[in-house]
Full PDB file with SEQRES, HELIX, SHEET, SSBOND, CRYST1, ORIGX, SCALE, CONECT and MASTER records, all heavy atoms in Angstrom:
SEQRES   1 A   33  GLY ILE SER ARG ALA GLU SER GLY LEU PRO ALA GLY PRO          
SEQRES   2 A   33  ASP GLU SER PHE VAL LEU ALA PRO GLU ASP THR ILE GLU          
SEQRES   3 A   33  SER VAL ARG SER ALA PHE GLU                                  
HELIX    1 AA1 ARG A    4  SER A    7  1                                   4    
HELIX    2 AA2 PRO A   13  SER A   16  1                                   4    
HELIX    3 AA3 ILE A   25  PHE A   32  1                                   8    
CRYST1    1.000    1.000    1.000  90.00  90.00  90.00 P 1           1          
ORIGX1      1.000000  0.000000  0.000000        0.00000                         
ORIGX2      0.000000  1.000000  0.000000        0.00000                         
ORIGX3      0.000000  0.000000  1.000000        0.00000                         
SCALE1      1.000000  0.000000  0.000000        0.00000                         
SCALE2      0.000000  1.000000  0.000000        0.00000                         
SCALE3      0.000000  0.000000  1.000000        0.00000                         
ATOM      1  N   GLY A   1     211.715 142.390 114.845  1.00  0.00           N  
ATOM      2  CA  GLY A   1     211.052 143.076 116.069  1.00  0.00           C  
ATOM      3  C   GLY A   1     209.777 143.583 115.743  1.00  0.00           C  
ATOM      4  O   GLY A   1     209.068 144.254 116.557  1.00  0.00           O  
ATOM      5  N   ILE A   2     209.230 143.398 114.469  1.00  0.00           N  
ATOM      6  CA  ILE A   2     207.871 143.902 114.105  1.00  0.00           C  
ATOM      7  C   ILE A   2     206.875 143.111 114.908  1.00  0.00           C  
ATOM      8  O   ILE A   2     206.936 141.871 114.971  1.00  0.00           O  
ATOM      9  CB  ILE A   2     207.646 143.752 112.574  1.00  0.00           C  
ATOM     10  CG1 ILE A   2     208.647 144.631 111.846  1.00  0.00           C  
ATOM     11  CG2 ILE A   2     206.225 144.056 112.190  1.00  0.00           C  
ATOM     12  CD1 ILE A   2     208.629 144.417 110.285  1.00  0.00           C  
ATOM     13  N   SER A   3     205.913 143.841 115.453  1.00  0.00           N  
ATOM     14  CA  SER A   3     204.973 143.174 116.334  1.00  0.00           C  
ATOM     15  C   SER A   3     204.023 142.276 115.477  1.00  0.00           C  
ATOM     16  O   SER A   3     203.896 142.405 114.289  1.00  0.00           O  
ATOM     17  CB  SER A   3     204.079 144.235 117.060  1.00  0.00           C  
ATOM     18  OG  SER A   3     203.218 144.810 116.118  1.00  0.00           O  
ATOM     19  N   ARG A   4     203.461 141.280 116.264  1.00  0.00           N  
ATOM     20  CA  ARG A   4     202.458 140.360 115.660  1.00  0.00           C  
ATOM     21  C   ARG A   4     201.312 141.117 114.974  1.00  0.00           C  
ATOM     22  O   ARG A   4     200.805 140.855 113.949  1.00  0.00           O  
ATOM     23  CB  ARG A   4     201.980 139.373 116.626  1.00  0.00           C  
ATOM     24  CG  ARG A   4     203.162 138.485 117.022  1.00  0.00           C  
ATOM     25  CD  ARG A   4     202.703 137.457 118.089  1.00  0.00           C  
ATOM     26  NE  ARG A   4     203.918 136.691 118.519  1.00  0.00           N  
ATOM     27  CZ  ARG A   4     203.939 135.772 119.458  1.00  0.00           C  
ATOM     28  NH1 ARG A   4     202.752 135.502 120.079  1.00  0.00           N  
ATOM     29  NH2 ARG A   4     204.975 135.220 119.758  1.00  0.00           N  
ATOM     30  N   ALA A   5     200.758 142.192 115.642  1.00  0.00           N  
ATOM     31  CA  ALA A   5     199.684 142.992 115.188  1.00  0.00           C  
ATOM     32  C   ALA A   5     200.028 143.594 113.825  1.00  0.00           C  
ATOM     33  O   ALA A   5     199.246 143.576 112.941  1.00  0.00           O  
ATOM     34  CB  ALA A   5     199.255 144.009 116.267  1.00  0.00           C  
ATOM     35  N   GLU A   6     201.250 144.174 113.801  1.00  0.00           N  
ATOM     36  CA  GLU A   6     201.704 144.834 112.557  1.00  0.00           C  
ATOM     37  C   GLU A   6     201.875 143.886 111.377  1.00  0.00           C  
ATOM     38  O   GLU A   6     201.731 144.196 110.299  1.00  0.00           O  
ATOM     39  CB  GLU A   6     203.027 145.587 112.789  1.00  0.00           C  
ATOM     40  CG  GLU A   6     202.918 146.791 113.646  1.00  0.00           C  
ATOM     41  CD  GLU A   6     204.260 147.411 114.033  1.00  0.00           C  
ATOM     42  OE1 GLU A   6     204.991 146.890 114.846  1.00  0.00           O  
ATOM     43  OE2 GLU A   6     204.646 148.442 113.287  1.00  0.00           O  
ATOM     44  N   SER A   7     202.202 142.662 111.818  1.00  0.00           N  
ATOM     45  CA  SER A   7     202.439 141.553 110.770  1.00  0.00           C  
ATOM     46  C   SER A   7     201.234 140.834 110.368  1.00  0.00           C  
ATOM     47  O   SER A   7     201.207 139.997 109.513  1.00  0.00           O  
ATOM     48  CB  SER A   7     203.462 140.515 111.276  1.00  0.00           C  
ATOM     49  OG  SER A   7     204.742 141.161 111.513  1.00  0.00           O  
ATOM     50  N   GLY A   8     200.116 141.167 111.120  1.00  0.00           N  
ATOM     51  CA  GLY A   8     198.898 140.439 110.778  1.00  0.00           C  
ATOM     52  C   GLY A   8     198.850 139.033 111.429  1.00  0.00           C  
ATOM     53  O   GLY A   8     198.022 138.186 110.918  1.00  0.00           O  
ATOM     54  N   LEU A   9     199.652 138.784 112.442  1.00  0.00           N  
ATOM     55  CA  LEU A   9     199.618 137.512 113.030  1.00  0.00           C  
ATOM     56  C   LEU A   9     198.693 137.516 114.303  1.00  0.00           C  
ATOM     57  O   LEU A   9     198.462 138.613 114.861  1.00  0.00           O  
ATOM     58  CB  LEU A   9     201.054 137.170 113.600  1.00  0.00           C  
ATOM     59  CG  LEU A   9     202.096 136.766 112.504  1.00  0.00           C  
ATOM     60  CD1 LEU A   9     203.503 136.720 113.126  1.00  0.00           C  
ATOM     61  CD2 LEU A   9     201.750 135.500 111.881  1.00  0.00           C  
ATOM     62  N   PRO A  10     198.223 136.325 114.643  1.00  0.00           N  
ATOM     63  CA  PRO A  10     197.456 136.223 115.830  1.00  0.00           C  
ATOM     64  C   PRO A  10     198.182 136.669 117.096  1.00  0.00           C  
ATOM     65  O   PRO A  10     199.473 136.518 117.086  1.00  0.00           O  
ATOM     66  CB  PRO A  10     197.051 134.794 115.986  1.00  0.00           C  
ATOM     67  CG  PRO A  10     197.229 134.155 114.648  1.00  0.00           C  
ATOM     68  CD  PRO A  10     198.255 135.076 113.979  1.00  0.00           C  
ATOM     69  N   ALA A  11     197.665 137.099 118.172  1.00  0.00           N  
ATOM     70  CA  ALA A  11     198.344 137.524 119.322  1.00  0.00           C  
ATOM     71  C   ALA A  11     199.160 136.429 120.018  1.00  0.00           C  
ATOM     72  O   ALA A  11     200.254 136.670 120.564  1.00  0.00           O  
ATOM     73  CB  ALA A  11     197.393 138.137 120.335  1.00  0.00           C  
ATOM     74  N   GLY A  12     198.609 135.194 119.952  1.00  0.00           N  
ATOM     75  CA  GLY A  12     199.299 134.063 120.603  1.00  0.00           C  
ATOM     76  C   GLY A  12     199.146 132.783 119.909  1.00  0.00           C  
ATOM     77  O   GLY A  12     198.351 132.706 118.989  1.00  0.00           O  
ATOM     78  N   PRO A  13     199.860 131.716 120.428  1.00  0.00           N  
ATOM     79  CA  PRO A  13     199.734 130.453 119.617  1.00  0.00           C  
ATOM     80  C   PRO A  13     198.347 129.773 119.656  1.00  0.00           C  
ATOM     81  O   PRO A  13     197.969 129.217 118.631  1.00  0.00           O  
ATOM     82  CB  PRO A  13     200.693 129.545 120.415  1.00  0.00           C  
ATOM     83  CG  PRO A  13     201.246 130.352 121.704  1.00  0.00           C  
ATOM     84  CD  PRO A  13     200.756 131.765 121.535  1.00  0.00           C  
ATOM     85  N   ASP A  14     197.583 129.940 120.777  1.00  0.00           N  
ATOM     86  CA  ASP A  14     196.228 129.312 120.747  1.00  0.00           C  
ATOM     87  C   ASP A  14     195.358 129.876 119.574  1.00  0.00           C  
ATOM     88  O   ASP A  14     194.622 129.064 118.965  1.00  0.00           O  
ATOM     89  CB  ASP A  14     195.550 129.537 122.103  1.00  0.00           C  
ATOM     90  CG  ASP A  14     196.082 128.692 123.262  1.00  0.00           C  
ATOM     91  OD1 ASP A  14     196.864 127.784 122.849  1.00  0.00           O  
ATOM     92  OD2 ASP A  14     195.811 129.006 124.352  1.00  0.00           O  
ATOM     93  N   GLU A  15     195.385 131.112 119.315  1.00  0.00           N  
ATOM     94  CA  GLU A  15     194.602 131.726 118.242  1.00  0.00           C  
ATOM     95  C   GLU A  15     195.112 131.273 116.866  1.00  0.00           C  
ATOM     96  O   GLU A  15     194.295 131.344 115.968  1.00  0.00           O  
ATOM     97  CB  GLU A  15     194.663 133.279 118.370  1.00  0.00           C  
ATOM     98  CG  GLU A  15     194.042 133.837 119.668  1.00  0.00           C  
ATOM     99  CD  GLU A  15     195.008 133.935 120.773  1.00  0.00           C  
ATOM    100  OE1 GLU A  15     196.234 133.559 120.686  1.00  0.00           O  
ATOM    101  OE2 GLU A  15     194.630 134.452 121.849  1.00  0.00           O  
ATOM    102  N   SER A  16     196.360 130.913 116.797  1.00  0.00           N  
ATOM    103  CA  SER A  16     196.919 130.507 115.519  1.00  0.00           C  
ATOM    104  C   SER A  16     196.252 129.181 114.914  1.00  0.00           C  
ATOM    105  O   SER A  16     196.434 128.847 113.809  1.00  0.00           O  
ATOM    106  CB  SER A  16     198.334 130.434 115.516  1.00  0.00           C  
ATOM    107  OG  SER A  16     198.876 129.314 116.220  1.00  0.00           O  
ATOM    108  N   PHE A  17     195.649 128.487 115.832  1.00  0.00           N  
ATOM    109  CA  PHE A  17     195.028 127.138 115.361  1.00  0.00           C  
ATOM    110  C   PHE A  17     193.598 127.379 114.890  1.00  0.00           C  
ATOM    111  O   PHE A  17     193.026 126.554 114.176  1.00  0.00           O  
ATOM    112  CB  PHE A  17     194.874 126.248 116.535  1.00  0.00           C  
ATOM    113  CG  PHE A  17     196.163 125.529 116.943  1.00  0.00           C  
ATOM    114  CD1 PHE A  17     196.982 126.102 117.867  1.00  0.00           C  
ATOM    115  CD2 PHE A  17     196.472 124.320 116.280  1.00  0.00           C  
ATOM    116  CE1 PHE A  17     198.196 125.491 118.240  1.00  0.00           C  
ATOM    117  CE2 PHE A  17     197.729 123.640 116.705  1.00  0.00           C  
ATOM    118  CZ  PHE A  17     198.504 124.241 117.664  1.00  0.00           C  
ATOM    119  N   VAL A  18     193.034 128.603 115.019  1.00  0.00           N  
ATOM    120  CA  VAL A  18     191.648 128.857 114.679  1.00  0.00           C  
ATOM    121  C   VAL A  18     191.528 128.967 113.160  1.00  0.00           C  
ATOM    122  O   VAL A  18     192.209 129.699 112.519  1.00  0.00           O  
ATOM    123  CB  VAL A  18     191.117 130.193 115.351  1.00  0.00           C  
ATOM    124  CG1 VAL A  18     189.715 130.560 114.845  1.00  0.00           C  
ATOM    125  CG2 VAL A  18     191.258 130.035 116.870  1.00  0.00           C  
ATOM    126  N   LEU A  19     190.507 128.186 112.663  1.00  0.00           N  
ATOM    127  CA  LEU A  19     190.295 128.156 111.248  1.00  0.00           C  
ATOM    128  C   LEU A  19     189.216 129.231 110.861  1.00  0.00           C  
ATOM    129  O   LEU A  19     188.179 129.190 111.481  1.00  0.00           O  
ATOM    130  CB  LEU A  19     189.908 126.785 110.835  1.00  0.00           C  
ATOM    131  CG  LEU A  19     190.981 125.791 110.963  1.00  0.00           C  
ATOM    132  CD1 LEU A  19     190.529 124.301 110.659  1.00  0.00           C  
ATOM    133  CD2 LEU A  19     192.297 126.036 110.073  1.00  0.00           C  
ATOM    134  N   ALA A  20     189.414 129.920 109.839  1.00  0.00           N  
ATOM    135  CA  ALA A  20     188.392 130.856 109.305  1.00  0.00           C  
ATOM    136  C   ALA A  20     187.643 129.975 108.180  1.00  0.00           C  
ATOM    137  O   ALA A  20     188.067 129.002 107.658  1.00  0.00           O  
ATOM    138  CB  ALA A  20     189.077 132.066 108.636  1.00  0.00           C  
ATOM    139  N   PRO A  21     186.415 130.437 107.978  1.00  0.00           N  
ATOM    140  CA  PRO A  21     185.573 129.675 106.934  1.00  0.00           C  
ATOM    141  C   PRO A  21     186.245 129.548 105.513  1.00  0.00           C  
ATOM    142  O   PRO A  21     186.147 128.612 104.834  1.00  0.00           O  
ATOM    143  CB  PRO A  21     184.228 130.483 106.887  1.00  0.00           C  
ATOM    144  CG  PRO A  21     184.189 131.158 108.155  1.00  0.00           C  
ATOM    145  CD  PRO A  21     185.636 131.448 108.555  1.00  0.00           C  
ATOM    146  N   GLU A  22     187.028 130.610 105.201  1.00  0.00           N  
ATOM    147  CA  GLU A  22     187.792 130.656 103.887  1.00  0.00           C  
ATOM    148  C   GLU A  22     189.055 129.791 103.898  1.00  0.00           C  
ATOM    149  O   GLU A  22     189.640 129.644 102.848  1.00  0.00           O  
ATOM    150  CB  GLU A  22     187.976 132.015 103.491  1.00  0.00           C  
ATOM    151  CG  GLU A  22     188.889 132.822 104.316  1.00  0.00           C  
ATOM    152  CD  GLU A  22     188.277 133.564 105.503  1.00  0.00           C  
ATOM    153  OE1 GLU A  22     187.039 133.312 105.796  1.00  0.00           O  
ATOM    154  OE2 GLU A  22     188.950 134.384 106.141  1.00  0.00           O  
ATOM    155  N   ASP A  23     189.488 129.256 105.065  1.00  0.00           N  
ATOM    156  CA  ASP A  23     190.739 128.462 105.027  1.00  0.00           C  
ATOM    157  C   ASP A  23     190.461 127.154 104.345  1.00  0.00           C  
ATOM    158  O   ASP A  23     189.506 126.396 104.700  1.00  0.00           O  
ATOM    159  CB  ASP A  23     191.151 128.174 106.482  1.00  0.00           C  
ATOM    160  CG  ASP A  23     191.835 129.411 107.123  1.00  0.00           C  
ATOM    161  OD1 ASP A  23     192.337 130.278 106.401  1.00  0.00           O  
ATOM    162  OD2 ASP A  23     191.674 129.579 108.393  1.00  0.00           O  
ATOM    163  N   THR A  24     191.320 126.806 103.437  1.00  0.00           N  
ATOM    164  CA  THR A  24     191.225 125.524 102.664  1.00  0.00           C  
ATOM    165  C   THR A  24     192.587 124.891 102.770  1.00  0.00           C  
ATOM    166  O   THR A  24     193.577 125.424 103.051  1.00  0.00           O  
ATOM    167  CB  THR A  24     190.948 125.723 101.262  1.00  0.00           C  
ATOM    168  OG1 THR A  24     191.969 126.476 100.579  1.00  0.00           O  
ATOM    169  CG2 THR A  24     189.553 126.501 101.059  1.00  0.00           C  
ATOM    170  N   ILE A  25     192.698 123.553 102.384  1.00  0.00           N  
ATOM    171  CA  ILE A  25     193.895 122.945 102.284  1.00  0.00           C  
ATOM    172  C   ILE A  25     194.901 123.756 101.481  1.00  0.00           C  
ATOM    173  O   ILE A  25     196.005 123.959 101.824  1.00  0.00           O  
ATOM    174  CB  ILE A  25     193.660 121.431 101.854  1.00  0.00           C  
ATOM    175  CG1 ILE A  25     192.989 120.625 102.769  1.00  0.00           C  
ATOM    176  CG2 ILE A  25     195.001 120.824 101.476  1.00  0.00           C  
ATOM    177  CD1 ILE A  25     192.564 119.247 102.362  1.00  0.00           C  
ATOM    178  N   GLU A  26     194.366 124.099 100.273  1.00  0.00           N  
ATOM    179  CA  GLU A  26     195.236 124.834  99.334  1.00  0.00           C  
ATOM    180  C   GLU A  26     195.739 126.140  99.877  1.00  0.00           C  
ATOM    181  O   GLU A  26     196.945 126.622  99.848  1.00  0.00           O  
ATOM    182  CB  GLU A  26     194.541 125.092  98.026  1.00  0.00           C  
ATOM    183  CG  GLU A  26     195.386 125.865  97.032  1.00  0.00           C  
ATOM    184  CD  GLU A  26     194.583 126.033  95.651  1.00  0.00           C  
ATOM    185  OE1 GLU A  26     193.669 125.365  95.400  1.00  0.00           O  
ATOM    186  OE2 GLU A  26     195.063 126.970  94.971  1.00  0.00           O  
ATOM    187  N   SER A  27     194.856 126.970 100.488  1.00  0.00           N  
ATOM    188  CA  SER A  27     195.236 128.305 101.066  1.00  0.00           C  
ATOM    189  C   SER A  27     196.180 128.179 102.304  1.00  0.00           C  
ATOM    190  O   SER A  27     197.149 128.919 102.329  1.00  0.00           O  
ATOM    191  CB  SER A  27     194.013 129.135 101.379  1.00  0.00           C  
ATOM    192  OG  SER A  27     193.300 128.614 102.547  1.00  0.00           O  
ATOM    193  N   VAL A  28     195.788 127.268 103.183  1.00  0.00           N  
ATOM    194  CA  VAL A  28     196.773 127.008 104.294  1.00  0.00           C  
ATOM    195  C   VAL A  28     198.047 126.446 104.002  1.00  0.00           C  
ATOM    196  O   VAL A  28     199.082 126.997 104.481  1.00  0.00           O  
ATOM    197  CB  VAL A  28     196.036 126.286 105.366  1.00  0.00           C  
ATOM    198  CG1 VAL A  28     196.912 125.830 106.584  1.00  0.00           C  
ATOM    199  CG2 VAL A  28     194.780 126.991 105.956  1.00  0.00           C  
ATOM    200  N   ARG A  29     198.091 125.585 103.031  1.00  0.00           N  
ATOM    201  CA  ARG A  29     199.391 124.974 102.697  1.00  0.00           C  
ATOM    202  C   ARG A  29     200.232 126.059 101.912  1.00  0.00           C  
ATOM    203  O   ARG A  29     201.413 126.198 102.104  1.00  0.00           O  
ATOM    204  CB  ARG A  29     199.212 123.745 101.769  1.00  0.00           C  
ATOM    205  CG  ARG A  29     200.571 123.016 101.584  1.00  0.00           C  
ATOM    206  CD  ARG A  29     200.585 121.803 100.633  1.00  0.00           C  
ATOM    207  NE  ARG A  29     199.414 121.075 100.502  1.00  0.00           N  
ATOM    208  CZ  ARG A  29     199.198 119.845 100.655  1.00  0.00           C  
ATOM    209  NH1 ARG A  29     200.234 119.098 100.982  1.00  0.00           N  
ATOM    210  NH2 ARG A  29     198.036 119.230 100.587  1.00  0.00           N  
ATOM    211  N   SER A  30     199.512 126.795 101.030  1.00  0.00           N  
ATOM    212  CA  SER A  30     200.250 127.893 100.371  1.00  0.00           C  
ATOM    213  C   SER A  30     200.827 128.902 101.293  1.00  0.00           C  
ATOM    214  O   SER A  30     202.045 129.431 101.123  1.00  0.00           O  
ATOM    215  CB  SER A  30     199.212 128.563  99.443  1.00  0.00           C  
ATOM    216  OG  SER A  30     199.950 129.637  98.663  1.00  0.00           O  
ATOM    217  N   ALA A  31     200.089 129.318 102.356  1.00  0.00           N  
ATOM    218  CA  ALA A  31     200.582 130.274 103.302  1.00  0.00           C  
ATOM    219  C   ALA A  31     201.795 129.680 104.089  1.00  0.00           C  
ATOM    220  O   ALA A  31     202.763 130.342 104.324  1.00  0.00           O  
ATOM    221  CB  ALA A  31     199.543 130.653 104.355  1.00  0.00           C  
ATOM    222  N   PHE A  32     201.796 128.388 104.366  1.00  0.00           N  
ATOM    223  CA  PHE A  32     202.817 127.710 105.062  1.00  0.00           C  
ATOM    224  C   PHE A  32     204.044 127.729 104.202  1.00  0.00           C  
ATOM    225  O   PHE A  32     205.189 128.002 104.578  1.00  0.00           O  
ATOM    226  CB  PHE A  32     202.480 126.284 105.443  1.00  0.00           C  
ATOM    227  CG  PHE A  32     203.578 125.495 106.147  1.00  0.00           C  
ATOM    228  CD1 PHE A  32     204.065 125.945 107.384  1.00  0.00           C  
ATOM    229  CD2 PHE A  32     204.106 124.358 105.631  1.00  0.00           C  
ATOM    230  CE1 PHE A  32     205.098 125.267 107.974  1.00  0.00           C  
ATOM    231  CE2 PHE A  32     205.100 123.710 106.272  1.00  0.00           C  
ATOM    232  CZ  PHE A  32     205.535 124.121 107.379  1.00  0.00           C  
ATOM    233  N   GLU A  33     203.898 127.354 102.944  1.00  0.00           N  
ATOM    234  CA  GLU A  33     205.039 127.282 101.950  1.00  0.00           C  
ATOM    235  C   GLU A  33     205.599 128.663 101.799  1.00  0.00           C  
ATOM    236  O   GLU A  33     206.868 128.788 101.719  1.00  0.00           O  
ATOM    237  CB  GLU A  33     204.607 126.655 100.673  1.00  0.00           C  
ATOM    238  CG  GLU A  33     204.281 125.120 100.771  1.00  0.00           C  
ATOM    239  CD  GLU A  33     203.611 124.583  99.591  1.00  0.00           C  
ATOM    240  OE1 GLU A  33     203.302 125.258  98.539  1.00  0.00           O  
ATOM    241  OE2 GLU A  33     203.458 123.297  99.590  1.00  0.00           O  
TER     242      GLU A  33                                                      
MASTER        0    0    0    3    0    0    0    6  241    1    0    3          
END                                                                             
């Protein structure tokens, strides 16, 4: 029940596709794992 804001998640699914300049294959795959 912890909110997305408290968890550091985007507010909605559309925003979750947005890539930051620092996102790399390694960092994104690591976060997924």
